[in-house]
Amino acid sequence: MSGQTHGPASASPSGRTPSAPRGTDTPLRIVLADDQTLVRSAFAMLIASAPGMTVVGEAGTGREAVALARSAHADLVVMDIRMPDLDGIEATRLIAAADDLDQVKILVLTTYDTDEHVVEALRAGASAFLVKDTRPAELLDAIQTVAAGDSLLSPGPTARLIARVLRTPEPGDGTGRAEPAPGLLAVLSAREREVLALVARGHNNAEIAHALALSPLTAKTHVSRIMGKLSVRDRAQLVITAYESGLVTPGAAPQPPD
């Protein structure tokens, strides 16, 4: 393991000590949460080989992941879903609900892209998900993308994900699918709804700007304002809100604007 990899002895199986909070010139601080030591070690070595990021802690349970996100001043947690003591979904929910962890991004790892818990993890506050057999370069790209607050949901996976979201009831809901709730978007302007619809269909800021004849900065500003108005953490939550409100509906995945 690289000398860059650290984690507090009280929470991390590795017994390492976290460094100071991240500054503008310091690496992206990552916590790895997986109950398999070999998986964590492989990810840690991969991340240590990449510039601009470092592992600041390793957790074998969801409860350790929450503690490390706080004590190691993490920017992002790579979170496995199935872990003992507290699973990744509950750990994600606790991190998302904590005021002092509101800047922590969560990238969920799952064994299969059809994992029934993926939707629940996204609803709990995860920013995106990847399957565990993702190529190393794709994992590093995903970490950078999620940490920057950008979308990791391309049009194809988004369509499949949302179709599953609408078939998956919230906990305690006796229905088989979510009902549209148009009132969710009452706070948005007509332009903001246009932008949200494109976000929900998997387009990035540059594609949104092109489609609506806006500058990329204006598109980015619209997305940020929409997040604030809807009180969501990131683009993944925007996607779910857009579909659950009925603004867009599942269907064939659209292609990016020409």
Protein backbone atom coordinates (compact mmCIF):
# COMPACT_ATOMS: atom_id res chain seq x y z
CA MET A 1 0.00 0.00 0.00
CA SER A 2 1.28 3.47 -0.78
CA GLY A 3 2.50 5.83 1.91
CA GLN A 4 -0.33 8.13 0.80
CA THR A 5 -2.93 5.77 2.24
CA HIS A 6 -4.11 6.70 5.72
CA GLY A 7 -6.95 6.00 8.13
CA PRO A 8 -7.70 6.54 11.83
CA ALA A 9 -6.73 3.68 14.10
CA SER A 10 -10.04 3.89 15.95
CA ALA A 11 -12.14 3.20 12.87
CA SER A 12 -9.98 1.72 10.14
CA PRO A 13 -8.77 -1.88 10.08
CA SER A 14 -5.49 -0.57 8.70
CA GLY A 15 -4.85 1.53 11.82
CA ARG A 16 -3.58 4.52 9.85
CA THR A 17 -3.84 8.14 10.90
CA PRO A 18 -5.69 10.75 8.79
CA SER A 19 -3.96 13.86 7.61
CA ALA A 20 -5.30 17.41 7.75
CA PRO A 21 -8.50 18.46 5.93
CA ARG A 22 -8.20 18.87 2.18
CA GLY A 23 -7.08 22.20 0.80
CA THR A 24 -7.13 23.58 -2.72
CA ASP A 25 -3.79 21.96 -3.62
CA THR A 26 -4.18 18.65 -1.81
CA PRO A 27 -5.38 15.35 -3.29
CA LEU A 28 -8.96 14.16 -3.38
CA ARG A 29 -9.49 12.31 -0.09
CA ILE A 30 -11.13 8.90 -0.49
CA VAL A 31 -12.45 6.34 1.98
CA LEU A 32 -12.83 2.74 0.80
CA ALA A 33 -15.64 0.74 2.38
CA ASP A 34 -15.80 -2.97 1.61
CA ASP A 35 -15.86 -6.01 3.87
CA GLN A 36 -13.29 -7.81 1.71
CA THR A 37 -9.73 -6.83 2.58
CA LEU A 38 -8.35 -7.90 -0.80
CA VAL A 39 -10.87 -5.72 -2.64
CA ARG A 40 -9.96 -2.70 -0.52
CA SER A 41 -6.25 -3.36 -1.03
CA ALA A 42 -6.64 -3.60 -4.80
CA PHE A 43 -8.63 -0.36 -4.94
CA ALA A 44 -6.17 1.37 -2.63
CA MET A 45 -3.20 0.45 -4.84
CA LEU A 46 -5.08 1.60 -7.93
CA ILE A 47 -5.95 4.96 -6.37
CA ALA A 48 -2.42 5.42 -5.02
CA SER A 49 -1.15 5.11 -8.59
CA ALA A 50 -3.36 7.97 -9.79
CA PRO A 51 -2.39 11.64 -9.46
CA GLY A 52 -4.61 13.96 -7.49
CA MET A 53 -6.24 11.41 -5.18
CA THR A 54 -5.35 9.44 -2.07
CA VAL A 55 -6.97 6.87 0.20
CA VAL A 56 -7.37 8.31 3.71
CA GLY A 57 -9.06 5.31 5.30
CA GLU A 58 -10.41 1.80 4.83
CA ALA A 59 -13.59 0.49 6.42
CA GLY A 60 -14.82 -3.09 6.71
CA THR A 61 -18.34 -2.16 7.84
CA GLY A 62 -20.85 0.56 7.11
CA ARG A 63 -20.49 1.96 10.62
CA GLU A 64 -16.74 2.32 10.15
CA ALA A 65 -17.37 4.03 6.82
CA VAL A 66 -19.53 6.71 8.47
CA ALA A 67 -16.94 7.27 11.21
CA LEU A 68 -14.11 7.51 8.70
CA ALA A 69 -15.99 9.89 6.41
CA ARG A 70 -16.09 12.28 9.34
CA SER A 71 -12.75 11.73 11.10
CA ALA A 72 -10.65 11.48 7.93
CA HIS A 73 -12.34 14.51 6.32
CA ALA A 74 -13.23 12.47 3.24
CA ASP A 75 -14.30 14.03 -0.02
CA LEU A 76 -15.70 10.76 -1.37
CA VAL A 77 -16.57 7.29 -0.10
CA VAL A 78 -16.40 4.27 -2.41
CA MET A 79 -19.15 2.24 -0.74
CA ASP A 80 -19.93 -1.45 -1.08
CA ILE A 81 -23.61 -2.28 -0.54
CA ARG A 82 -23.31 -5.57 1.32
CA MET A 83 -21.34 -5.15 4.55
CA PRO A 84 -21.77 -6.42 8.12
CA ASP A 85 -22.89 -4.38 11.13
CA LEU A 86 -24.37 -1.61 8.97
CA ASP A 87 -24.83 -2.09 5.23
CA GLY A 88 -23.76 0.41 2.60
CA ILE A 89 -27.28 1.75 2.07
CA GLU A 90 -27.77 2.65 5.72
CA ALA A 91 -24.25 4.06 5.89
CA THR A 92 -25.03 6.19 2.84
CA ARG A 93 -28.24 7.41 4.44
CA LEU A 94 -26.41 8.42 7.62
CA ILE A 95 -23.72 10.31 5.71
CA ALA A 96 -26.26 12.09 3.51
CA ALA A 97 -28.30 13.13 6.55
CA ALA A 98 -25.36 14.54 8.53
CA ASP A 99 -24.94 18.31 8.25
CA ASP A 100 -21.19 18.07 8.75
CA LEU A 101 -20.86 15.53 5.92
CA ASP A 102 -22.97 17.30 3.31
CA GLN A 103 -19.99 17.70 0.96
CA VAL A 104 -19.09 14.00 1.02
CA LYS A 105 -19.91 12.21 -2.24
CA ILE A 106 -20.74 8.51 -2.29
CA LEU A 107 -19.94 6.16 -5.16
CA VAL A 108 -21.71 2.84 -4.61
CA LEU A 109 -20.22 -0.41 -5.85
CA THR A 110 -22.41 -3.38 -6.61
CA THR A 111 -21.78 -6.87 -7.92
CA TYR A 112 -24.32 -6.58 -10.74
CA ASP A 113 -25.85 -3.56 -12.47
CA THR A 114 -29.27 -5.12 -11.83
CA ASP A 115 -28.72 -5.14 -8.07
CA GLU A 116 -32.12 -4.48 -6.52
CA HIS A 117 -30.51 -2.27 -3.88
CA VAL A 118 -29.02 0.25 -6.32
CA VAL A 119 -32.20 2.33 -6.43
CA GLU A 120 -32.44 2.34 -2.66
CA ALA A 121 -28.82 3.47 -2.41
CA LEU A 122 -29.44 6.36 -4.80
CA ARG A 123 -32.53 7.37 -2.87
CA ALA A 124 -30.47 7.24 0.31
CA GLY A 125 -28.05 9.81 -1.10
CA ALA A 126 -25.50 8.01 -3.26
CA SER A 127 -24.26 10.03 -6.21
CA ALA A 128 -23.74 7.14 -8.62
CA PHE A 129 -23.02 3.45 -8.89
CA LEU A 130 -20.58 1.15 -10.62
CA VAL A 131 -20.31 -2.61 -10.94
CA LYS A 132 -17.28 -4.19 -9.27
CA ASP A 133 -15.86 -5.55 -12.51
CA THR A 134 -15.47 -2.02 -13.88
CA ARG A 135 -12.11 -1.48 -15.56
CA PRO A 136 -9.53 0.34 -13.40
CA ALA A 137 -9.42 3.43 -15.62
CA GLU A 138 -13.20 3.69 -15.50
CA LEU A 139 -13.20 3.57 -11.70
CA LEU A 140 -10.67 6.39 -11.51
CA ASP A 141 -12.66 8.44 -14.03
CA ALA A 142 -15.83 7.78 -12.05
CA ILE A 143 -14.23 8.97 -8.82
CA GLN A 144 -13.17 12.22 -10.45
CA THR A 145 -16.58 12.68 -12.09
CA VAL A 146 -18.55 12.11 -8.90
CA ALA A 147 -16.20 14.24 -6.80
CA ALA A 148 -16.71 17.11 -9.24
CA GLY A 149 -20.47 16.82 -8.84
CA ASP A 150 -21.02 15.80 -12.45
CA SER A 151 -23.33 13.10 -13.72
CA LEU A 152 -22.15 9.52 -14.04
CA LEU A 153 -25.48 8.44 -15.50
CA SER A 154 -25.29 8.17 -19.27
CA PRO A 155 -28.57 8.01 -21.24
CA GLY A 156 -28.72 4.21 -21.55
CA PRO A 157 -28.07 3.32 -17.90
CA THR A 158 -30.27 6.24 -16.81
CA ALA A 159 -33.27 4.91 -18.72
CA ARG A 160 -32.84 1.43 -17.25
CA LEU A 161 -32.25 2.80 -13.77
CA ILE A 162 -35.30 5.04 -13.80
CA ALA A 163 -37.54 2.32 -15.16
CA ARG A 164 -36.54 0.35 -12.08
CA VAL A 165 -37.00 3.39 -9.80
CA LEU A 166 -40.60 3.74 -10.91
CA ARG A 167 -41.25 0.06 -10.25
CA THR A 168 -39.63 0.17 -6.83
CA PRO A 169 -41.80 1.57 -4.01
CA GLU A 170 -40.38 3.62 -1.20
CA PRO A 171 -40.04 1.67 2.07
CA GLY A 172 -43.47 1.31 3.62
CA ASP A 173 -45.25 2.12 0.36
CA GLY A 174 -47.83 -0.50 -0.53
CA THR A 175 -47.82 0.32 -4.25
CA GLY A 176 -45.79 -1.36 -6.94
CA ARG A 177 -44.49 1.88 -8.43
CA ALA A 178 -44.10 5.51 -7.61
CA GLU A 179 -46.91 7.85 -8.66
CA PRO A 180 -46.00 11.10 -10.43
CA ALA A 181 -45.94 14.12 -8.13
CA PRO A 182 -46.01 17.26 -10.34
CA GLY A 183 -46.06 19.56 -7.30
CA LEU A 184 -42.41 18.68 -6.63
CA LEU A 185 -41.37 21.02 -9.44
CA ALA A 186 -43.61 23.99 -8.62
CA VAL A 187 -40.58 26.02 -7.53
CA LEU A 188 -38.89 25.73 -10.93
CA SER A 189 -39.17 28.10 -13.87
CA ALA A 190 -40.04 26.86 -17.35
CA ARG A 191 -36.37 27.06 -18.38
CA GLU A 192 -35.28 25.18 -15.28
CA ARG A 193 -37.73 22.41 -16.11
CA GLU A 194 -36.22 22.16 -19.58
CA VAL A 195 -32.77 21.86 -18.07
CA LEU A 196 -33.96 19.28 -15.54
CA ALA A 197 -35.52 17.16 -18.28
CA LEU A 198 -32.19 17.02 -20.11
CA VAL A 199 -30.33 16.18 -16.89
CA ALA A 200 -32.80 13.36 -16.31
CA ARG A 201 -32.10 11.96 -19.75
CA GLY A 202 -28.40 11.75 -18.98
CA HIS A 203 -27.00 14.83 -20.71
CA ASN A 204 -24.02 16.70 -19.32
CA ASN A 205 -23.74 20.47 -19.02
CA ALA A 206 -22.11 20.91 -22.42
CA GLU A 207 -24.88 18.93 -24.13
CA ILE A 208 -27.55 20.86 -22.24
CA ALA A 209 -25.95 24.15 -23.28
CA HIS A 210 -25.91 23.05 -26.91
CA ALA A 211 -29.50 21.83 -26.87
CA LEU A 212 -30.86 25.04 -25.32
CA ALA A 213 -28.48 27.50 -27.00
CA LEU A 214 -26.89 28.47 -23.69
CA SER A 215 -23.30 28.93 -22.61
CA PRO A 216 -21.86 26.00 -20.64
CA LEU A 217 -21.52 28.27 -17.60
CA THR A 218 -25.20 29.24 -17.79
CA ALA A 219 -26.20 25.58 -18.08
CA LYS A 220 -24.08 24.74 -15.06
CA THR A 221 -25.62 27.63 -13.11
CA HIS A 222 -29.13 26.42 -13.96
CA VAL A 223 -28.29 22.92 -12.72
CA SER A 224 -26.86 24.28 -9.47
CA ARG A 225 -29.92 26.46 -8.87
CA ILE A 226 -32.26 23.54 -9.55
CA MET A 227 -30.38 21.44 -6.99
CA GLY A 228 -30.77 24.21 -4.46
CA LYS A 229 -34.47 24.73 -5.13
CA LEU A 230 -35.21 21.01 -4.92
CA SER A 231 -32.86 20.48 -1.94
CA VAL A 232 -31.01 17.58 -3.56
CA ARG A 233 -27.35 16.64 -3.19
CA ASP A 234 -26.40 15.94 -6.78
CA ARG A 235 -27.44 15.07 -10.31
CA ALA A 236 -28.41 11.50 -9.46
CA GLN A 237 -31.04 12.88 -7.08
CA LEU A 238 -32.20 15.28 -9.81
CA VAL A 239 -32.73 12.36 -12.17
CA ILE A 240 -34.91 10.52 -9.67
CA THR A 241 -36.91 13.65 -8.84
CA ALA A 242 -37.53 14.41 -12.52
CA TYR A 243 -38.94 10.96 -13.20
CA GLU A 244 -40.90 10.66 -9.98
CA SER A 245 -42.50 14.07 -10.61
CA GLY A 246 -43.67 12.95 -14.05
CA LEU A 247 -41.60 15.59 -15.86
CA VAL A 248 -40.10 12.83 -17.97
CA THR A 249 -41.11 9.22 -18.43
CA PRO A 250 -39.15 6.03 -19.07
CA GLY A 251 -38.64 5.16 -22.70
CA ALA A 252 -35.98 4.70 -25.32
CA ALA A 253 -32.74 6.31 -24.28
CA PRO A 254 -32.35 9.54 -26.28
CA GLN A 255 -29.14 10.40 -28.03
CA PRO A 256 -27.12 13.49 -27.08
CA PRO A 257 -28.02 16.63 -29.09
CA ASP A 258 -26.35 16.92 -32.49
